[in-house]
Structures are given as structure tokens and as C-alpha cells.
C-alpha atoms as a PDB file:
ATOM      1  CA  UNK A   1     -27.964 -16.659   2.769  1.00  0.00           C
ATOM      2  CA  UNK A   2     -27.522 -19.432   5.337  1.00  0.00           C
ATOM      3  CA  UNK A   3     -28.464 -18.419   8.883  1.00  0.00           C
ATOM      4  CA  UNK A   4     -25.971 -18.586  11.722  1.00  0.00           C
ATOM      5  CA  UNK A   5     -26.588 -21.067  14.542  1.00  0.00           C
ATOM      6  CA  UNK A   6     -27.917 -18.258  16.739  1.00  0.00           C
ATOM      7  CA  UNK A   7     -30.175 -16.862  13.985  1.00  0.00           C
ATOM      8  CA  UNK A   8     -31.672 -20.243  13.079  1.00  0.00           C
ATOM      9  CA  UNK A   9     -32.306 -21.214  16.709  1.00  0.00           C
ATOM     10  CA  UNK A  10     -33.870 -17.829  17.506  1.00  0.00           C
ATOM     11  CA  UNK A  11     -36.077 -18.084  14.393  1.00  0.00           C
ATOM     12  CA  UNK A  12     -37.192 -21.615  15.245  1.00  0.00           C
ATOM     13  CA  UNK A  13     -38.136 -20.458  18.762  1.00  0.00           C
ATOM     14  CA  UNK A  14     -40.569 -17.889  17.317  1.00  0.00           C
ATOM     15  CA  UNK A  15     -44.279 -18.814  16.952  1.00  0.00           C
ATOM     16  CA  UNK A  16     -44.425 -20.096  13.378  1.00  0.00           C
ATOM     17  CA  UNK A  17     -46.813 -22.839  12.325  1.00  0.00           C
ATOM     18  CA  UNK A  18     -44.552 -25.747  11.463  1.00  0.00           C
ATOM     19  CA  UNK A  19     -44.872 -28.306   8.704  1.00  0.00           C
ATOM     20  CA  UNK A  20     -44.176 -31.680  10.325  1.00  0.00           C
ATOM     21  CA  UNK A  21     -43.016 -34.451   7.986  1.00  0.00           C
ATOM     22  CA  UNK A  22     -42.692 -38.114   8.828  1.00  0.00           C
ATOM     23  CA  UNK A  23     -42.232 -41.225   6.713  1.00  0.00           C
ATOM     24  CA  UNK A  24     -45.302 -43.465   6.815  1.00  0.00           C
ATOM     25  CA  UNK A  25     -44.363 -45.997   4.175  1.00  0.00           C
ATOM     26  CA  UNK A  26     -41.395 -46.564   1.869  1.00  0.00           C
ATOM     27  CA  UNK A  27     -43.555 -46.388  -1.264  1.00  0.00           C
ATOM     28  CA  UNK A  28     -45.074 -42.942  -0.651  1.00  0.00           C
ATOM     29  CA  UNK A  29     -44.065 -39.389   0.063  1.00  0.00           C
ATOM     30  CA  UNK A  30     -43.813 -38.403   3.736  1.00  0.00           C
ATOM     31  CA  UNK A  31     -46.931 -37.408   5.625  1.00  0.00           C
ATOM     32  CA  UNK A  32     -46.691 -33.608   5.987  1.00  0.00           C
ATOM     33  CA  UNK A  33     -49.090 -31.694   8.225  1.00  0.00           C
ATOM     34  CA  UNK A  34     -49.245 -28.241   9.843  1.00  0.00           C
ATOM     35  CA  UNK A  35     -48.604 -28.197  13.586  1.00  0.00           C
ATOM     36  CA  UNK A  36     -47.849 -25.929  16.515  1.00  0.00           C
ATOM     37  CA  UNK A  37     -44.489 -26.652  18.084  1.00  0.00           C
ATOM     38  CA  UNK A  38     -42.140 -25.330  20.778  1.00  0.00           C
ATOM     39  CA  UNK A  39     -38.399 -24.987  20.687  1.00  0.00           C
ATOM     40  CA  UNK A  40     -35.919 -23.445  23.103  1.00  0.00           C
ATOM     41  CA  UNK A  41     -32.490 -22.629  21.631  1.00  0.00           C
ATOM     42  CA  UNK A  42     -30.059 -25.420  22.410  1.00  0.00           C
ATOM     43  CA  UNK A  43     -32.838 -27.776  23.504  1.00  0.00           C
ATOM     44  CA  UNK A  44     -35.338 -30.185  22.081  1.00  0.00           C
ATOM     45  CA  UNK A  45     -38.293 -29.413  19.861  1.00  0.00           C
ATOM     46  CA  UNK A  46     -41.684 -30.709  20.990  1.00  0.00           C
ATOM     47  CA  UNK A  47     -45.162 -31.057  19.556  1.00  0.00           C
ATOM     48  CA  UNK A  48     -48.505 -32.186  20.941  1.00  0.00           C
ATOM     49  CA  UNK A  49     -50.781 -34.613  19.119  1.00  0.00           C
ATOM     50  CA  UNK A  50     -53.583 -37.024  19.976  1.00  0.00           C
ATOM     51  CA  UNK A  51     -52.262 -40.499  20.810  1.00  0.00           C
ATOM     52  CA  UNK A  52     -53.131 -42.957  18.085  1.00  0.00           C
ATOM     53  CA  UNK A  53     -53.470 -40.219  15.449  1.00  0.00           C
ATOM     54  CA  UNK A  54     -52.058 -40.902  12.017  1.00  0.00           C
ATOM     55  CA  UNK A  55     -49.030 -38.678  12.675  1.00  0.00           C
ATOM     56  CA  UNK A  56     -48.475 -40.153  16.156  1.00  0.00           C
ATOM     57  CA  UNK A  57     -48.479 -43.684  14.717  1.00  0.00           C
ATOM     58  CA  UNK A  58     -46.104 -42.675  11.924  1.00  0.00           C
ATOM     59  CA  UNK A  59     -43.724 -40.926  14.352  1.00  0.00           C
ATOM     60  CA  UNK A  60     -43.710 -43.936  16.669  1.00  0.00           C
ATOM     61  CA  UNK A  61     -42.945 -46.279  13.768  1.00  0.00           C
ATOM     62  CA  UNK A  62     -40.253 -44.087  12.193  1.00  0.00           C
ATOM     63  CA  UNK A  63     -38.645 -42.971  15.443  1.00  0.00           C
ATOM     64  CA  UNK A  64     -37.877 -39.584  13.908  1.00  0.00           C
ATOM     65  CA  UNK A  65     -39.481 -36.683  12.083  1.00  0.00           C
ATOM     66  CA  UNK A  66     -38.700 -33.355  10.475  1.00  0.00           C
ATOM     67  CA  UNK A  67     -40.206 -29.935  10.889  1.00  0.00           C
ATOM     68  CA  UNK A  68     -39.957 -26.819   8.735  1.00  0.00           C
ATOM     69  CA  UNK A  69     -40.912 -23.300   9.849  1.00  0.00           C
ATOM     70  CA  UNK A  70     -41.054 -20.357   7.467  1.00  0.00           C
ATOM     71  CA  UNK A  71     -42.110 -16.769   6.997  1.00  0.00           C
ATOM     72  CA  UNK A  72     -42.616 -14.723   3.869  1.00  0.00           C
ATOM     73  CA  UNK A  73     -42.207 -11.165   5.203  1.00  0.00           C
ATOM     74  CA  UNK A  74     -40.156  -9.036   5.490  1.00  0.00           C
ATOM     75  CA  UNK A  75     -38.044 -11.632   3.655  1.00  0.00           C
ATOM     76  CA  UNK A  76     -38.520 -15.298   2.892  1.00  0.00           C
ATOM     77  CA  UNK A  77     -36.801 -17.166   5.715  1.00  0.00           C
ATOM     78  CA  UNK A  78     -37.008 -20.797   6.740  1.00  0.00           C
ATOM     79  CA  UNK A  79     -35.487 -23.281   9.142  1.00  0.00           C
ATOM     80  CA  UNK A  80     -35.833 -27.025   8.727  1.00  0.00           C
ATOM     81  CA  UNK A  81     -34.799 -29.532  11.393  1.00  0.00           C
ATOM     82  CA  UNK A  82     -34.859 -33.307  11.572  1.00  0.00           C
ATOM     83  CA  UNK A  83     -33.883 -35.746  14.237  1.00  0.00           C
ATOM     84  CA  UNK A  84     -34.756 -38.688  16.440  1.00  0.00           C
ATOM     85  CA  UNK A  85     -37.651 -38.851  18.845  1.00  0.00           C
ATOM     86  CA  UNK A  86     -36.288 -38.699  22.383  1.00  0.00           C
ATOM     87  CA  UNK A  87     -39.578 -39.225  24.224  1.00  0.00           C
ATOM     88  CA  UNK A  88     -43.295 -39.667  23.805  1.00  0.00           C
ATOM     89  CA  UNK A  89     -44.928 -38.764  27.087  1.00  0.00           C
ATOM     90  CA  UNK A  90     -48.323 -37.879  28.530  1.00  0.00           C
ATOM     91  CA  UNK A  91     -49.408 -34.303  27.994  1.00  0.00           C
ATOM     92  CA  UNK A  92     -50.244 -31.953  30.862  1.00  0.00           C
ATOM     93  CA  UNK A  93     -52.393 -28.890  31.420  1.00  0.00           C
ATOM     94  CA  UNK A  94     -49.184 -26.876  31.799  1.00  0.00           C
ATOM     95  CA  UNK A  95     -47.848 -27.984  28.415  1.00  0.00           C
ATOM     96  CA  UNK A  96     -51.198 -27.292  26.746  1.00  0.00           C
ATOM     97  CA  UNK A  97     -51.206 -23.784  28.246  1.00  0.00           C
ATOM     98  CA  UNK A  98     -47.572 -23.146  27.265  1.00  0.00           C
ATOM     99  CA  UNK A  99     -48.324 -24.032  23.652  1.00  0.00           C
ATOM    100  CA  UNK A 100     -51.532 -21.990  23.514  1.00  0.00           C
ATOM    101  CA  UNK A 101     -49.859 -18.951  25.064  1.00  0.00           C
ATOM    102  CA  UNK A 102     -47.056 -19.184  22.505  1.00  0.00           C
ATOM    103  CA  UNK A 103     -49.472 -18.926  19.570  1.00  0.00           C
ATOM    104  CA  UNK A 104     -52.568 -17.081  20.747  1.00  0.00           C
ATOM    105  CA  UNK A 105     -53.344 -13.630  22.132  1.00  0.00           C
ATOM    106  CA  UNK A 106     -53.827 -13.784  25.925  1.00  0.00           C
ATOM    107  CA  UNK A 107     -57.564 -13.086  25.593  1.00  0.00           C
ATOM    108  CA  UNK A 108     -58.059 -16.262  23.507  1.00  0.00           C
ATOM    109  CA  UNK A 109     -56.055 -18.779  25.553  1.00  0.00           C
ATOM    110  CA  UNK A 110     -58.755 -19.872  28.033  1.00  0.00           C
ATOM    111  CA  UNK A 111     -61.369 -20.298  25.314  1.00  0.00           C
ATOM    112  CA  UNK A 112     -58.978 -22.371  23.223  1.00  0.00           C
ATOM    113  CA  UNK A 113     -57.976 -24.576  26.164  1.00  0.00           C
ATOM    114  CA  UNK A 114     -61.646 -25.226  26.978  1.00  0.00           C
ATOM    115  CA  UNK A 115     -62.326 -26.096  23.324  1.00  0.00           C
ATOM    116  CA  UNK A 116     -59.317 -28.394  23.201  1.00  0.00           C
ATOM    117  CA  UNK A 117     -60.339 -30.247  26.384  1.00  0.00           C
ATOM    118  CA  UNK A 118     -63.937 -30.784  25.258  1.00  0.00           C
ATOM    119  CA  UNK A 119     -63.482 -31.269  21.495  1.00  0.00           C
ATOM    120  CA  UNK A 120     -59.969 -32.491  20.811  1.00  0.00           C
ATOM    121  CA  UNK A 121     -59.364 -34.729  23.798  1.00  0.00           C
ATOM    122  CA  UNK A 122     -56.192 -36.291  25.115  1.00  0.00           C
ATOM    123  CA  UNK A 123     -52.759 -35.467  23.692  1.00  0.00           C
ATOM    124  CA  UNK A 124     -49.215 -36.725  24.049  1.00  0.00           C
ATOM    125  CA  UNK A 125     -46.010 -34.708  23.866  1.00  0.00           C
ATOM    126  CA  UNK A 126     -43.471 -35.865  21.300  1.00  0.00           C
ATOM    127  CA  UNK A 127     -39.902 -34.625  21.795  1.00  0.00           C
ATOM    128  CA  UNK A 128     -37.269 -34.526  19.076  1.00  0.00           C
ATOM    129  CA  UNK A 129     -33.561 -33.722  19.243  1.00  0.00           C
ATOM    130  CA  UNK A 130     -32.646 -31.627  16.188  1.00  0.00           C
ATOM    131  CA  UNK A 131     -29.654 -33.216  14.446  1.00  0.00           C
ATOM    132  CA  UNK A 132     -29.877 -31.899  10.902  1.00  0.00           C
ATOM    133  CA  UNK A 133     -30.496 -28.251  10.134  1.00  0.00           C
ATOM    134  CA  UNK A 134     -31.199 -26.426   6.890  1.00  0.00           C
ATOM    135  CA  UNK A 135     -31.853 -22.689   6.923  1.00  0.00           C
ATOM    136  CA  UNK A 136     -31.834 -19.635   4.694  1.00  0.00           C
ATOM    137  CA  UNK A 137     -32.934 -16.046   4.453  1.00  0.00           C
ATOM    138  CA  UNK A 138     -33.692 -15.312   0.814  1.00  0.00           C
ATOM    139  CA  UNK A 139     -33.902 -11.543   1.288  1.00  0.00           C
ATOM    140  CA  UNK A 140     -32.204  -9.255  -1.141  1.00  0.00           C
ATOM    141  CA  UNK A 141     -30.371  -7.269   1.515  1.00  0.00           C
END
């Protein structure tokens, strides 16, 4: 069953680990990697990644990417979006915190942010405007 616009946007705004896909080269399948993301219904989707990373380079070259979020319980449901990159901008402590708070229990946020600063280094924010949507809930009703 295809999701309504409201259902798919609400689902995409939930904290699912996304599968980001981006074309790297015409002669191979897209690069597909798990990633945390943020989406506000009606707005842009954004991800954080180290500048110069393989996915950052591929996104810059392609100028677009796709992302799929799914769950398996209580029913199999997914939303897939694809669209153009609207901005690649410097990250901020506020954005890092927003992302961490979206995915982690409150008691783990500070520890994660400290780990990220010391071990993972600098990030950029990549924004995408969803243009193409594919969604379904495969539940039996």
C-alpha cells in the first residue's frame, strides 16, 4: 500500500538509519552506505559527513543522491527519496547535537559528541531537496 504524502513525510522524519545511494561511476552500481539523516516534513533532508570522504566526493560530483529509510516491525514500511543537492556547508556544534539527539538516548549524547570531535573530526552538512518519492507499507492489514 502506497503511503500518503503525510504518512511518508512523517515516517521519513522518524529516526531511521538511512541507506544513502550516490552514483560514483557510470560503469558500477551506486555507492550505498548507512547514514544518520534529518528531515522535517515539507523541507529538505540533510546528512553530515566528513569533507573529502568517498561519499562526499561522489555527492559533489553527482550533484544529487538518494536515501531509503525502512522498518520491519510492526509491518515492513519504507520511504525512498532522491533529489538534487541544494547546499554543502560547514557543520556546526548545533547540527551535530541535533543529529545525535535525534538518534541517541539523552544519556549518551555528550559521550557521542566528545567521541565524534576527537575521533571522527570535521564534518560538512549536505542538503538535498526531495523530488522523487517511493513509499509503501507492506503490512497485511
